[in-house]
Amino acid sequence: MEAISFNEFLNEKKEYKIQRILDAPKYKAKVKDFLTKAKQEVGEYKEVGVILKKAALGNKLSKDDIHKVTEQLIDTLKMGSIGTVLILPMGSIILVLLLKIGKRYNLNFLPSSWS
């Protein structure tokens, strides 16, 4: 049996734990759900891009088109806010608290795809 250092032993343990967590079915489902919602959000960005191109060409926008652009702008601002909070020290904890407080007061901080 080959001798390994204590640090190598700890690193192997950490890697094993991380892999075991990532392989857990509930995390796989959450990751799949997140990717599905992110894909939906990208689709909404593309749709708004087409609408904005139409407006740039001088075509008049319908009320539905204006509503879609407005909703997507709000979603973009929400994503920016979430990103800003996550950059802060202990940002993930702060985000969880904000979401719980928002739920209590009927405020939604998540983009429409995540709601």
PDB file of N, CA and C in Angstrom:
ATOM      1  N   MET A   1       0.846  -1.178   0.000  1.00  0.00           N
ATOM      2  CA  MET A   1       0.000   0.000   0.000  1.00  0.00           C
ATOM      3  C   MET A   1       0.893   1.242   0.000  1.00  0.00           C
ATOM      4  N   GLU A   2       0.555   2.171  -0.826  1.00  0.00           N
ATOM      5  CA  GLU A   2       1.349   3.387  -1.006  1.00  0.00           C
ATOM      6  C   GLU A   2       0.998   4.417   0.062  1.00  0.00           C
ATOM      7  N   ALA A   3       2.004   5.061   0.615  1.00  0.00           N
ATOM      8  CA  ALA A   3       1.788   6.078   1.643  1.00  0.00           C
ATOM      9  C   ALA A   3       1.405   7.403   0.980  1.00  0.00           C
ATOM     10  N   ILE A   4       0.425   8.064   1.559  1.00  0.00           N
ATOM     11  CA  ILE A   4       0.021   9.378   1.060  1.00  0.00           C
ATOM     12  C   ILE A   4       0.033  10.365   2.221  1.00  0.00           C
ATOM     13  N   SER A   5       0.178  11.621   1.860  1.00  0.00           N
ATOM     14  CA  SER A   5       0.205  12.643   2.901  1.00  0.00           C
ATOM     15  C   SER A   5      -1.208  12.890   3.438  1.00  0.00           C
ATOM     16  N   PHE A   6      -1.265  13.532   4.571  1.00  0.00           N
ATOM     17  CA  PHE A   6      -2.551  13.856   5.180  1.00  0.00           C
ATOM     18  C   PHE A   6      -3.364  14.783   4.278  1.00  0.00           C
ATOM     19  N   ASN A   7      -2.719  15.774   3.636  1.00  0.00           N
ATOM     20  CA  ASN A   7      -3.404  16.698   2.725  1.00  0.00           C
ATOM     21  C   ASN A   7      -3.987  15.965   1.526  1.00  0.00           C
ATOM     22  N   GLU A   8      -3.235  15.016   0.977  1.00  0.00           N
ATOM     23  CA  GLU A   8      -3.759  14.224  -0.143  1.00  0.00           C
ATOM     24  C   GLU A   8      -4.982  13.423   0.302  1.00  0.00           C
ATOM     25  N   PHE A   9      -4.912  12.880   1.510  1.00  0.00           N
ATOM     26  CA  PHE A   9      -6.038  12.128   2.063  1.00  0.00           C
ATOM     27  C   PHE A   9      -7.276  13.018   2.169  1.00  0.00           C
ATOM     28  N   LEU A  10      -7.094  14.243   2.699  1.00  0.00           N
ATOM     29  CA  LEU A  10      -8.215  15.171   2.837  1.00  0.00           C
ATOM     30  C   LEU A  10      -8.765  15.568   1.474  1.00  0.00           C
ATOM     31  N   ASN A  11      -7.902  15.812   0.506  1.00  0.00           N
ATOM     32  CA  ASN A  11      -8.348  16.181  -0.835  1.00  0.00           C
ATOM     33  C   ASN A  11      -9.169  15.066  -1.472  1.00  0.00           C
ATOM     34  N   GLU A  12      -8.711  13.816  -1.280  1.00  0.00           N
ATOM     35  CA  GLU A  12      -9.466  12.689  -1.821  1.00  0.00           C
ATOM     36  C   GLU A  12     -10.843  12.606  -1.170  1.00  0.00           C
ATOM     37  N   LYS A  13     -10.905  12.837   0.135  1.00  0.00           N
ATOM     38  CA  LYS A  13     -12.177  12.808   0.850  1.00  0.00           C
ATOM     39  C   LYS A  13     -13.112  13.901   0.326  1.00  0.00           C
ATOM     40  N   LYS A  14     -12.566  15.113   0.133  1.00  0.00           N
ATOM     41  CA  LYS A  14     -13.377  16.232  -0.366  1.00  0.00           C
ATOM     42  C   LYS A  14     -13.918  15.914  -1.752  1.00  0.00           C
ATOM     43  N   GLU A  15     -13.052  15.402  -2.634  1.00  0.00           N
ATOM     44  CA  GLU A  15     -13.477  15.076  -3.990  1.00  0.00           C
ATOM     45  C   GLU A  15     -14.573  14.016  -3.966  1.00  0.00           C
ATOM     46  N   TYR A  16     -14.412  13.019  -3.091  1.00  0.00           N
ATOM     47  CA  TYR A  16     -15.421  11.969  -2.977  1.00  0.00           C
ATOM     48  C   TYR A  16     -16.750  12.561  -2.522  1.00  0.00           C
ATOM     49  N   LYS A  17     -16.711  13.436  -1.499  1.00  0.00           N
ATOM     50  CA  LYS A  17     -17.936  14.044  -0.988  1.00  0.00           C
ATOM     51  C   LYS A  17     -18.615  14.892  -2.062  1.00  0.00           C
ATOM     52  N   ILE A  18     -17.821  15.701  -2.757  1.00  0.00           N
ATOM     53  CA  ILE A  18     -18.385  16.550  -3.812  1.00  0.00           C
ATOM     54  C   ILE A  18     -19.029  15.697  -4.889  1.00  0.00           C
ATOM     55  N   GLN A  19     -18.343  14.630  -5.318  1.00  0.00           N
ATOM     56  CA  GLN A  19     -18.898  13.763  -6.359  1.00  0.00           C
ATOM     57  C   GLN A  19     -20.162  13.082  -5.863  1.00  0.00           C
ATOM     58  N   ARG A  20     -20.168  12.644  -4.607  1.00  0.00           N
ATOM     59  CA  ARG A  20     -21.349  11.985  -4.045  1.00  0.00           C
ATOM     60  C   ARG A  20     -22.531  12.951  -4.000  1.00  0.00           C
ATOM     61  N   ILE A  21     -22.273  14.214  -3.656  1.00  0.00           N
ATOM     62  CA  ILE A  21     -23.343  15.221  -3.618  1.00  0.00           C
ATOM     63  C   ILE A  21     -23.884  15.469  -5.022  1.00  0.00           C
ATOM     64  N   LEU A  22     -22.971  15.607  -5.983  1.00  0.00           N
ATOM     65  CA  LEU A  22     -23.404  15.893  -7.359  1.00  0.00           C
ATOM     66  C   LEU A  22     -24.170  14.719  -7.967  1.00  0.00           C
ATOM     67  N   ASP A  23     -23.867  13.510  -7.524  1.00  0.00           N
ATOM     68  CA  ASP A  23     -24.552  12.341  -8.054  1.00  0.00           C
ATOM     69  C   ASP A  23     -25.907  12.097  -7.399  1.00  0.00           C
ATOM     70  N   ALA A  24     -26.210  12.815  -6.334  1.00  0.00           N
ATOM     71  CA  ALA A  24     -27.472  12.613  -5.630  1.00  0.00           C
ATOM     72  C   ALA A  24     -28.637  12.966  -6.558  1.00  0.00           C
ATOM     73  N   PRO A  25     -29.677  12.135  -6.587  1.00  0.00           N
ATOM     74  CA  PRO A  25     -30.804  12.367  -7.498  1.00  0.00           C
ATOM     75  C   PRO A  25     -31.488  13.719  -7.323  1.00  0.00           C
ATOM     76  N   LYS A  26     -31.612  14.193  -6.073  1.00  0.00           N
ATOM     77  CA  LYS A  26     -32.316  15.460  -5.894  1.00  0.00           C
ATOM     78  C   LYS A  26     -31.516  16.615  -6.499  1.00  0.00           C
ATOM     79  N   TYR A  27     -30.189  16.545  -6.459  1.00  0.00           N
ATOM     80  CA  TYR A  27     -29.390  17.610  -7.064  1.00  0.00           C
ATOM     81  C   TYR A  27     -29.435  17.531  -8.587  1.00  0.00           C
ATOM     82  N   LYS A  28     -29.450  16.314  -9.113  1.00  0.00           N
ATOM     83  CA  LYS A  28     -29.564  16.160 -10.563  1.00  0.00           C
ATOM     84  C   LYS A  28     -30.876  16.765 -11.047  1.00  0.00           C
ATOM     85  N   ALA A  29     -31.945  16.530 -10.313  1.00  0.00           N
ATOM     86  CA  ALA A  29     -33.244  17.079 -10.691  1.00  0.00           C
ATOM     87  C   ALA A  29     -33.234  18.599 -10.616  1.00  0.00           C
ATOM     88  N   LYS A  30     -32.591  19.155  -9.578  1.00  0.00           N
ATOM     89  CA  LYS A  30     -32.525  20.612  -9.437  1.00  0.00           C
ATOM     90  C   LYS A  30     -31.700  21.238 -10.546  1.00  0.00           C
ATOM     91  N   VAL A  31     -30.591  20.610 -10.894  1.00  0.00           N
ATOM     92  CA  VAL A  31     -29.752  21.129 -11.972  1.00  0.00           C
ATOM     93  C   VAL A  31     -30.511  21.070 -13.291  1.00  0.00           C
ATOM     94  N   LYS A  32     -31.207  19.968 -13.535  1.00  0.00           N
ATOM     95  CA  LYS A  32     -31.982  19.830 -14.767  1.00  0.00           C
ATOM     96  C   LYS A  32     -33.085  20.891 -14.830  1.00  0.00           C
ATOM     97  N   ASP A  33     -33.748  21.130 -13.705  1.00  0.00           N
ATOM     98  CA  ASP A  33     -34.792  22.144 -13.632  1.00  0.00           C
ATOM     99  C   ASP A  33     -34.209  23.529 -13.901  1.00  0.00           C
ATOM    100  N   PHE A  34     -33.061  23.825 -13.287  1.00  0.00           N
ATOM    101  CA  PHE A  34     -32.411  25.119 -13.502  1.00  0.00           C
ATOM    102  C   PHE A  34     -32.057  25.309 -14.970  1.00  0.00           C
ATOM    103  N   LEU A  35     -31.482  24.287 -15.599  1.00  0.00           N
ATOM    104  CA  LEU A  35     -31.089  24.402 -17.005  1.00  0.00           C
ATOM    105  C   LEU A  35     -32.304  24.575 -17.918  1.00  0.00           C
ATOM    106  N   THR A  36     -33.398  23.909 -17.592  1.00  0.00           N
ATOM    107  CA  THR A  36     -34.632  24.062 -18.369  1.00  0.00           C
ATOM    108  C   THR A  36     -35.138  25.500 -18.281  1.00  0.00           C
ATOM    109  N   LYS A  37     -35.140  26.057 -17.084  1.00  0.00           N
ATOM    110  CA  LYS A  37     -35.613  27.429 -16.890  1.00  0.00           C
ATOM    111  C   LYS A  37     -34.673  28.431 -17.542  1.00  0.00           C
ATOM    112  N   ALA A  38     -33.377  28.173 -17.476  1.00  0.00           N
ATOM    113  CA  ALA A  38     -32.409  29.070 -18.118  1.00  0.00           C
ATOM    114  C   ALA A  38     -32.599  29.047 -19.630  1.00  0.00           C
ATOM    115  N   LYS A  39     -32.855  27.873 -20.186  1.00  0.00           N
ATOM    116  CA  LYS A  39     -33.106  27.744 -21.622  1.00  0.00           C
ATOM    117  C   LYS A  39     -34.361  28.521 -22.015  1.00  0.00           C
ATOM    118  N   GLN A  40     -35.382  28.454 -21.184  1.00  0.00           N
ATOM    119  CA  GLN A  40     -36.612  29.199 -21.441  1.00  0.00           C
ATOM    120  C   GLN A  40     -36.333  30.705 -21.423  1.00  0.00           C
ATOM    121  N   GLU A  41     -35.511  31.133 -20.483  1.00  0.00           N
ATOM    122  CA  GLU A  41     -35.183  32.562 -20.375  1.00  0.00           C
ATOM    123  C   GLU A  41     -34.426  33.035 -21.613  1.00  0.00           C
ATOM    124  N   VAL A  42     -33.516  32.218 -22.109  1.00  0.00           N
ATOM    125  CA  VAL A  42     -32.770  32.558 -23.331  1.00  0.00           C
ATOM    126  C   VAL A  42     -33.728  32.667 -24.510  1.00  0.00           C
ATOM    127  N   GLY A  43     -34.704  31.776 -24.574  1.00  0.00           N
ATOM    128  CA  GLY A  43     -35.711  31.842 -25.638  1.00  0.00           C
ATOM    129  C   GLY A  43     -36.490  33.148 -25.582  1.00  0.00           C
ATOM    130  N   GLU A  44     -36.779  33.604 -24.364  1.00  0.00           N
ATOM    131  CA  GLU A  44     -37.490  34.876 -24.207  1.00  0.00           C
ATOM    132  C   GLU A  44     -36.622  36.044 -24.670  1.00  0.00           C
ATOM    133  N   TYR A  45     -35.321  35.974 -24.409  1.00  0.00           N
ATOM    134  CA  TYR A  45     -34.409  37.028 -24.874  1.00  0.00           C
ATOM    135  C   TYR A  45     -34.406  37.096 -26.398  1.00  0.00           C
ATOM    136  N   LYS A  46     -34.387  35.936 -27.035  1.00  0.00           N
ATOM    137  CA  LYS A  46     -34.399  35.900 -28.501  1.00  0.00           C
ATOM    138  C   LYS A  46     -35.682  36.518 -29.049  1.00  0.00           C
ATOM    139  N   GLU A  47     -36.794  36.180 -28.429  1.00  0.00           N
ATOM    140  CA  GLU A  47     -38.087  36.705 -28.863  1.00  0.00           C
ATOM    141  C   GLU A  47     -38.122  38.235 -28.747  1.00  0.00           C
ATOM    142  N   VAL A  48     -37.595  38.757 -27.645  1.00  0.00           N
ATOM    143  CA  VAL A  48     -37.557  40.207 -27.449  1.00  0.00           C
ATOM    144  C   VAL A  48     -36.598  40.851 -28.446  1.00  0.00           C
ATOM    145  N   GLY A  49     -35.521  40.160 -28.770  1.00  0.00           N
ATOM    146  CA  GLY A  49     -34.584  40.670 -29.772  1.00  0.00           C
ATOM    147  C   GLY A  49     -35.256  40.876 -31.116  1.00  0.00           C
ATOM    148  N   VAL A  50     -36.104  39.944 -31.500  1.00  0.00           N
ATOM    149  CA  VAL A  50     -36.847  40.069 -32.764  1.00  0.00           C
ATOM    150  C   VAL A  50     -37.797  41.269 -32.700  1.00  0.00           C
ATOM    151  N   ILE A  51     -38.454  41.442 -31.563  1.00  0.00           N
ATOM    152  CA  ILE A  51     -39.378  42.565 -31.398  1.00  0.00           C
ATOM    153  C   ILE A  51     -38.617  43.897 -31.473  1.00  0.00           C
ATOM    154  N   LEU A  52     -37.470  43.972 -30.806  1.00  0.00           N
ATOM    155  CA  LEU A  52     -36.693  45.215 -30.828  1.00  0.00           C
ATOM    156  C   LEU A  52     -36.146  45.506 -32.222  1.00  0.00           C
ATOM    157  N   LYS A  53     -35.801  44.466 -32.952  1.00  0.00           N
ATOM    158  CA  LYS A  53     -35.340  44.655 -34.329  1.00  0.00           C
ATOM    159  C   LYS A  53     -36.471  45.224 -35.188  1.00  0.00           C
ATOM    160  N   LYS A  54     -37.665  44.714 -34.959  1.00  0.00           N
ATOM    161  CA  LYS A  54     -38.834  45.210 -35.679  1.00  0.00           C
ATOM    162  C   LYS A  54     -39.051  46.698 -35.382  1.00  0.00           C
ATOM    163  N   ALA A  55     -38.889  47.076 -34.113  1.00  0.00           N
ATOM    164  CA  ALA A  55     -39.055  48.479 -33.725  1.00  0.00           C
ATOM    165  C   ALA A  55     -37.958  49.345 -34.335  1.00  0.00           C
ATOM    166  N   ALA A  56     -36.735  48.817 -34.388  1.00  0.00           N
ATOM    167  CA  ALA A  56     -35.614  49.578 -34.946  1.00  0.00           C
ATOM    168  C   ALA A  56     -35.797  49.831 -36.438  1.00  0.00           C
ATOM    169  N   LEU A  57     -36.508  48.935 -37.104  1.00  0.00           N
ATOM    170  CA  LEU A  57     -36.765  49.099 -38.535  1.00  0.00           C
ATOM    171  C   LEU A  57     -37.918  50.064 -38.804  1.00  0.00           C
ATOM    172  N   GLY A  58     -38.509  50.588 -37.732  1.00  0.00           N
ATOM    173  CA  GLY A  58     -39.561  51.588 -37.889  1.00  0.00           C
ATOM    174  C   GLY A  58     -40.972  51.047 -37.856  1.00  0.00           C
ATOM    175  N   ASN A  59     -41.124  49.757 -37.623  1.00  0.00           N
ATOM    176  CA  ASN A  59     -42.467  49.171 -37.543  1.00  0.00           C
ATOM    177  C   ASN A  59     -43.098  49.500 -36.196  1.00  0.00           C
ATOM    178  N   LYS A  60     -44.405  49.662 -36.212  1.00  0.00           N
ATOM    179  CA  LYS A  60     -45.131  49.962 -34.982  1.00  0.00           C
ATOM    180  C   LYS A  60     -45.305  48.670 -34.175  1.00  0.00           C
ATOM    181  N   LEU A  61     -45.112  48.774 -32.856  1.00  0.00           N
ATOM    182  CA  LEU A  61     -45.244  47.608 -31.984  1.00  0.00           C
ATOM    183  C   LEU A  61     -46.652  47.530 -31.407  1.00  0.00           C
ATOM    184  N   SER A  62     -47.142  46.302 -31.292  1.00  0.00           N
ATOM    185  CA  SER A  62     -48.453  46.097 -30.678  1.00  0.00           C
ATOM    186  C   SER A  62     -48.319  46.204 -29.159  1.00  0.00           C
ATOM    187  N   LYS A  63     -49.458  46.293 -28.485  1.00  0.00           N
ATOM    188  CA  LYS A  63     -49.446  46.343 -27.022  1.00  0.00           C
ATOM    189  C   LYS A  63     -48.851  45.065 -26.444  1.00  0.00           C
ATOM    190  N   ASP A  64     -49.116  43.938 -27.100  1.00  0.00           N
ATOM    191  CA  ASP A  64     -48.572  42.661 -26.642  1.00  0.00           C
ATOM    192  C   ASP A  64     -47.044  42.657 -26.748  1.00  0.00           C
ATOM    193  N   ASP A  65     -46.519  43.198 -27.853  1.00  0.00           N
ATOM    194  CA  ASP A  65     -45.069  43.281 -28.028  1.00  0.00           C
ATOM    195  C   ASP A  65     -44.440  44.166 -26.958  1.00  0.00           C
ATOM    196  N   ILE A  66     -45.053  45.302 -26.689  1.00  0.00           N
ATOM    197  CA  ILE A  66     -44.542  46.218 -25.672  1.00  0.00           C
ATOM    198  C   ILE A  66     -44.572  45.547 -24.303  1.00  0.00           C
ATOM    199  N   HIS A  67     -45.627  44.797 -24.033  1.00  0.00           N
ATOM    200  CA  HIS A  67     -45.738  44.079 -22.759  1.00  0.00           C
ATOM    201  C   HIS A  67     -44.623  43.038 -22.620  1.00  0.00           C
ATOM    202  N   LYS A  68     -44.341  42.292 -23.711  1.00  0.00           N
ATOM    203  CA  LYS A  68     -43.280  41.279 -23.671  1.00  0.00           C
ATOM    204  C   LYS A  68     -41.921  41.913 -23.405  1.00  0.00           C
ATOM    205  N   VAL A  69     -41.649  43.032 -24.069  1.00  0.00           N
ATOM    206  CA  VAL A  69     -40.370  43.721 -23.872  1.00  0.00           C
ATOM    207  C   VAL A  69     -40.264  44.223 -22.438  1.00  0.00           C
ATOM    208  N   THR A  70     -41.344  44.788 -21.916  1.00  0.00           N
ATOM    209  CA  THR A  70     -41.345  45.298 -20.537  1.00  0.00           C
ATOM    210  C   THR A  70     -41.099  44.171 -19.543  1.00  0.00           C
ATOM    211  N   GLU A  71     -41.790  43.053 -19.717  1.00  0.00           N
ATOM    212  CA  GLU A  71     -41.623  41.911 -18.814  1.00  0.00           C
ATOM    213  C   GLU A  71     -40.191  41.384 -18.867  1.00  0.00           C
ATOM    214  N   GLN A  72     -39.616  41.342 -20.062  1.00  0.00           N
ATOM    215  CA  GLN A  72     -38.253  40.832 -20.184  1.00  0.00           C
ATOM    216  C   GLN A  72     -37.250  41.794 -19.552  1.00  0.00           C
ATOM    217  N   LEU A  73     -37.503  43.087 -19.666  1.00  0.00           N
ATOM    218  CA  LEU A  73     -36.643  44.077 -19.023  1.00  0.00           C
ATOM    219  C   LEU A  73     -36.689  43.913 -17.497  1.00  0.00           C
ATOM    220  N   ILE A  74     -37.878  43.693 -16.971  1.00  0.00           N
ATOM    221  CA  ILE A  74     -38.025  43.467 -15.523  1.00  0.00           C
ATOM    222  C   ILE A  74     -37.271  42.202 -15.110  1.00  0.00           C
ATOM    223  N   ASP A  75     -37.389  41.123 -15.908  1.00  0.00           N
ATOM    224  CA  ASP A  75     -36.670  39.884 -15.611  1.00  0.00           C
ATOM    225  C   ASP A  75     -35.160  40.103 -15.642  1.00  0.00           C
ATOM    226  N   THR A  76     -34.691  40.896 -16.594  1.00  0.00           N
ATOM    227  CA  THR A  76     -33.259  41.188 -16.701  1.00  0.00           C
ATOM    228  C   THR A  76     -32.774  41.953 -15.472  1.00  0.00           C
ATOM    229  N   LEU A  77     -33.561  42.915 -15.026  1.00  0.00           N
ATOM    230  CA  LEU A  77     -33.195  43.669 -13.828  1.00  0.00           C
ATOM    231  C   LEU A  77     -33.185  42.764 -12.589  1.00  0.00           C
ATOM    232  N   LYS A  78     -34.134  41.837 -12.521  1.00  0.00           N
ATOM    233  CA  LYS A  78     -34.159  40.893 -11.400  1.00  0.00           C
ATOM    234  C   LYS A  78     -32.914  40.013 -11.411  1.00  0.00           C
ATOM    235  N   MET A  79     -32.517  39.530 -12.600  1.00  0.00           N
ATOM    236  CA  MET A  79     -31.318  38.689 -12.697  1.00  0.00           C
ATOM    237  C   MET A  79     -30.081  39.485 -12.294  1.00  0.00           C
ATOM    238  N   GLY A  80     -30.006  40.742 -12.710  1.00  0.00           N
ATOM    239  CA  GLY A  80     -28.880  41.586 -12.320  1.00  0.00           C
ATOM    240  C   GLY A  80     -28.830  41.792 -10.822  1.00  0.00           C
ATOM    241  N   SER A  81     -29.982  41.977 -10.222  1.00  0.00           N
ATOM    242  CA  SER A  81     -30.045  42.155  -8.769  1.00  0.00           C
ATOM    243  C   SER A  81     -29.599  40.894  -8.043  1.00  0.00           C
ATOM    244  N   ILE A  82     -30.043  39.748  -8.516  1.00  0.00           N
ATOM    245  CA  ILE A  82     -29.643  38.479  -7.904  1.00  0.00           C
ATOM    246  C   ILE A  82     -28.136  38.296  -8.032  1.00  0.00           C
ATOM    247  N   GLY A  83     -27.599  38.596  -9.209  1.00  0.00           N
ATOM    248  CA  GLY A  83     -26.153  38.485  -9.413  1.00  0.00           C
ATOM    249  C   GLY A  83     -25.377  39.394  -8.490  1.00  0.00           C
ATOM    250  N   THR A  84     -25.882  40.596  -8.297  1.00  0.00           N
ATOM    251  CA  THR A  84     -25.225  41.553  -7.401  1.00  0.00           C
ATOM    252  C   THR A  84     -25.228  41.043  -5.966  1.00  0.00           C
ATOM    253  N   VAL A  85     -26.336  40.499  -5.532  1.00  0.00           N
ATOM    254  CA  VAL A  85     -26.423  39.972  -4.166  1.00  0.00           C
ATOM    255  C   VAL A  85     -25.478  38.782  -3.998  1.00  0.00           C
ATOM    256  N   LEU A  86     -25.391  37.924  -5.011  1.00  0.00           N
ATOM    257  CA  LEU A  86     -24.549  36.740  -4.896  1.00  0.00           C
ATOM    258  C   LEU A  86     -23.064  37.082  -4.848  1.00  0.00           C
ATOM    259  N   ILE A  87     -22.675  38.240  -5.366  1.00  0.00           N
ATOM    260  CA  ILE A  87     -21.274  38.656  -5.328  1.00  0.00           C
ATOM    261  C   ILE A  87     -20.862  39.049  -3.909  1.00  0.00           C
ATOM    262  N   LEU A  88     -21.802  39.524  -3.130  1.00  0.00           N
ATOM    263  CA  LEU A  88     -21.511  39.972  -1.763  1.00  0.00           C
ATOM    264  C   LEU A  88     -21.034  38.817  -0.891  1.00  0.00           C
ATOM    265  N   PRO A  89     -20.242  39.132   0.145  1.00  0.00           N
ATOM    266  CA  PRO A  89     -19.901  38.080   1.114  1.00  0.00           C
ATOM    267  C   PRO A  89     -21.189  37.530   1.738  1.00  0.00           C
ATOM    268  N   MET A  90     -21.266  36.232   1.839  1.00  0.00           N
ATOM    269  CA  MET A  90     -22.465  35.544   2.346  1.00  0.00           C
ATOM    270  C   MET A  90     -23.687  35.844   1.473  1.00  0.00           C
ATOM    271  N   GLY A  91     -23.456  36.082   0.186  1.00  0.00           N
ATOM    272  CA  GLY A  91     -24.530  36.450  -0.723  1.00  0.00           C
ATOM    273  C   GLY A  91     -25.607  35.399  -0.869  1.00  0.00           C
ATOM    274  N   SER A  92     -25.221  34.126  -0.865  1.00  0.00           N
ATOM    275  CA  SER A  92     -26.236  33.081  -1.014  1.00  0.00           C
ATOM    276  C   SER A  92     -27.183  33.064   0.184  1.00  0.00           C
ATOM    277  N   ILE A  93     -26.643  33.336   1.365  1.00  0.00           N
ATOM    278  CA  ILE A  93     -27.490  33.385   2.566  1.00  0.00           C
ATOM    279  C   ILE A  93     -28.407  34.605   2.503  1.00  0.00           C
ATOM    280  N   ILE A  94     -27.853  35.731   2.085  1.00  0.00           N
ATOM    281  CA  ILE A  94     -28.650  36.957   1.955  1.00  0.00           C
ATOM    282  C   ILE A  94     -29.767  36.749   0.935  1.00  0.00           C
ATOM    283  N   LEU A  95     -29.442  36.069  -0.179  1.00  0.00           N
ATOM    284  CA  LEU A  95     -30.452  35.830  -1.218  1.00  0.00           C
ATOM    285  C   LEU A  95     -31.595  34.973  -0.681  1.00  0.00           C
ATOM    286  N   VAL A  96     -31.259  33.935   0.052  1.00  0.00           N
ATOM    287  CA  VAL A  96     -32.300  33.074   0.637  1.00  0.00           C
ATOM    288  C   VAL A  96     -33.188  33.891   1.573  1.00  0.00           C
ATOM    289  N   LEU A  97     -32.569  34.728   2.391  1.00  0.00           N
ATOM    290  CA  LEU A  97     -33.357  35.571   3.304  1.00  0.00           C
ATOM    291  C   LEU A  97     -34.255  36.535   2.527  1.00  0.00           C
ATOM    292  N   LEU A  98     -33.715  37.159   1.480  1.00  0.00           N
ATOM    293  CA  LEU A  98     -34.525  38.069   0.657  1.00  0.00           C
ATOM    294  C   LEU A  98     -35.713  37.348   0.029  1.00  0.00           C
ATOM    295  N   LEU A  99     -35.479  36.144  -0.462  1.00  0.00           N
ATOM    296  CA  LEU A  99     -36.569  35.386  -1.083  1.00  0.00           C
ATOM    297  C   LEU A  99     -37.642  35.022  -0.059  1.00  0.00           C
ATOM    298  N   LYS A 100     -37.221  34.645   1.137  1.00  0.00           N
ATOM    299  CA  LYS A 100     -38.199  34.316   2.192  1.00  0.00           C
ATOM    300  C   LYS A 100     -38.983  35.550   2.632  1.00  0.00           C
ATOM    301  N   ILE A 101     -38.288  36.665   2.801  1.00  0.00           N
ATOM    302  CA  ILE A 101     -38.972  37.911   3.169  1.00  0.00           C
ATOM    303  C   ILE A 101     -39.910  38.346   2.044  1.00  0.00           C
ATOM    304  N   GLY A 102     -39.445  38.227   0.819  1.00  0.00           N
ATOM    305  CA  GLY A 102     -40.286  38.580  -0.322  1.00  0.00           C
ATOM    306  C   GLY A 102     -41.539  37.736  -0.393  1.00  0.00           C
ATOM    307  N   LYS A 103     -41.405  36.448  -0.113  1.00  0.00           N
ATOM    308  CA  LYS A 103     -42.569  35.560  -0.113  1.00  0.00           C
ATOM    309  C   LYS A 103     -43.574  35.988   0.949  1.00  0.00           C
ATOM    310  N   ARG A 104     -43.048  36.389   2.101  1.00  0.00           N
ATOM    311  CA  ARG A 104     -43.906  36.809   3.210  1.00  0.00           C
ATOM    312  C   ARG A 104     -44.730  38.047   2.838  1.00  0.00           C
ATOM    313  N   TYR A 105     -44.101  38.976   2.105  1.00  0.00           N
ATOM    314  CA  TYR A 105     -44.771  40.227   1.736  1.00  0.00           C
ATOM    315  C   TYR A 105     -45.268  40.232   0.288  1.00  0.00           C
ATOM    316  N   ASN A 106     -45.346  39.067  -0.307  1.00  0.00           N
ATOM    317  CA  ASN A 106     -45.855  38.888  -1.664  1.00  0.00           C
ATOM    318  C   ASN A 106     -45.040  39.682  -2.702  1.00  0.00           C
ATOM    319  N   LEU A 107     -43.709  39.662  -2.540  1.00  0.00           N
ATOM    320  CA  LEU A 107     -42.795  40.276  -3.498  1.00  0.00           C
ATOM    321  C   LEU A 107     -42.031  39.171  -4.204  1.00  0.00           C
ATOM    322  N   ASN A 108     -41.898  39.276  -5.500  1.00  0.00           N
ATOM    323  CA  ASN A 108     -41.216  38.244  -6.261  1.00  0.00           C
ATOM    324  C   ASN A 108     -39.910  38.795  -6.814  1.00  0.00           C
ATOM    325  N   PHE A 109     -38.790  38.261  -6.333  1.00  0.00           N
ATOM    326  CA  PHE A 109     -37.477  38.705  -6.776  1.00  0.00           C
ATOM    327  C   PHE A 109     -36.913  37.837  -7.893  1.00  0.00           C
ATOM    328  N   LEU A 110     -37.608  36.763  -8.248  1.00  0.00           N
ATOM    329  CA  LEU A 110     -37.110  35.848  -9.274  1.00  0.00           C
ATOM    330  C   LEU A 110     -37.704  36.179 -10.641  1.00  0.00           C
ATOM    331  N   PRO A 111     -36.964  35.933 -11.714  1.00  0.00           N
ATOM    332  CA  PRO A 111     -37.500  36.135 -13.057  1.00  0.00           C
ATOM    333  C   PRO A 111     -38.710  35.227 -13.297  1.00  0.00           C
ATOM    334  N   SER A 112     -39.490  35.567 -14.298  1.00  0.00           N
ATOM    335  CA  SER A 112     -40.736  34.829 -14.555  1.00  0.00           C
ATOM    336  C   SER A 112     -40.503  33.344 -14.806  1.00  0.00           C
ATOM    337  N   SER A 113     -39.390  32.964 -15.398  1.00  0.00           N
ATOM    338  CA  SER A 113     -39.112  31.552 -15.655  1.00  0.00           C
ATOM    339  C   SER A 113     -38.952  30.755 -14.368  1.00  0.00           C
ATOM    340  N   TRP A 114     -38.489  31.405 -13.307  1.00  0.00           N
ATOM    341  CA  TRP A 114     -38.240  30.737 -12.042  1.00  0.00           C
ATOM    342  C   TRP A 114     -39.436  30.845 -11.090  1.00  0.00           C
ATOM    343  N   SER A 115     -40.440  31.557 -11.460  1.00  0.00           N
ATOM    344  CA  SER A 115     -41.590  31.751 -10.558  1.00  0.00           C
ATOM    345  C   SER A 115     -42.569  30.614 -10.667  1.00  0.00           C
TER     346      SER A 115
END
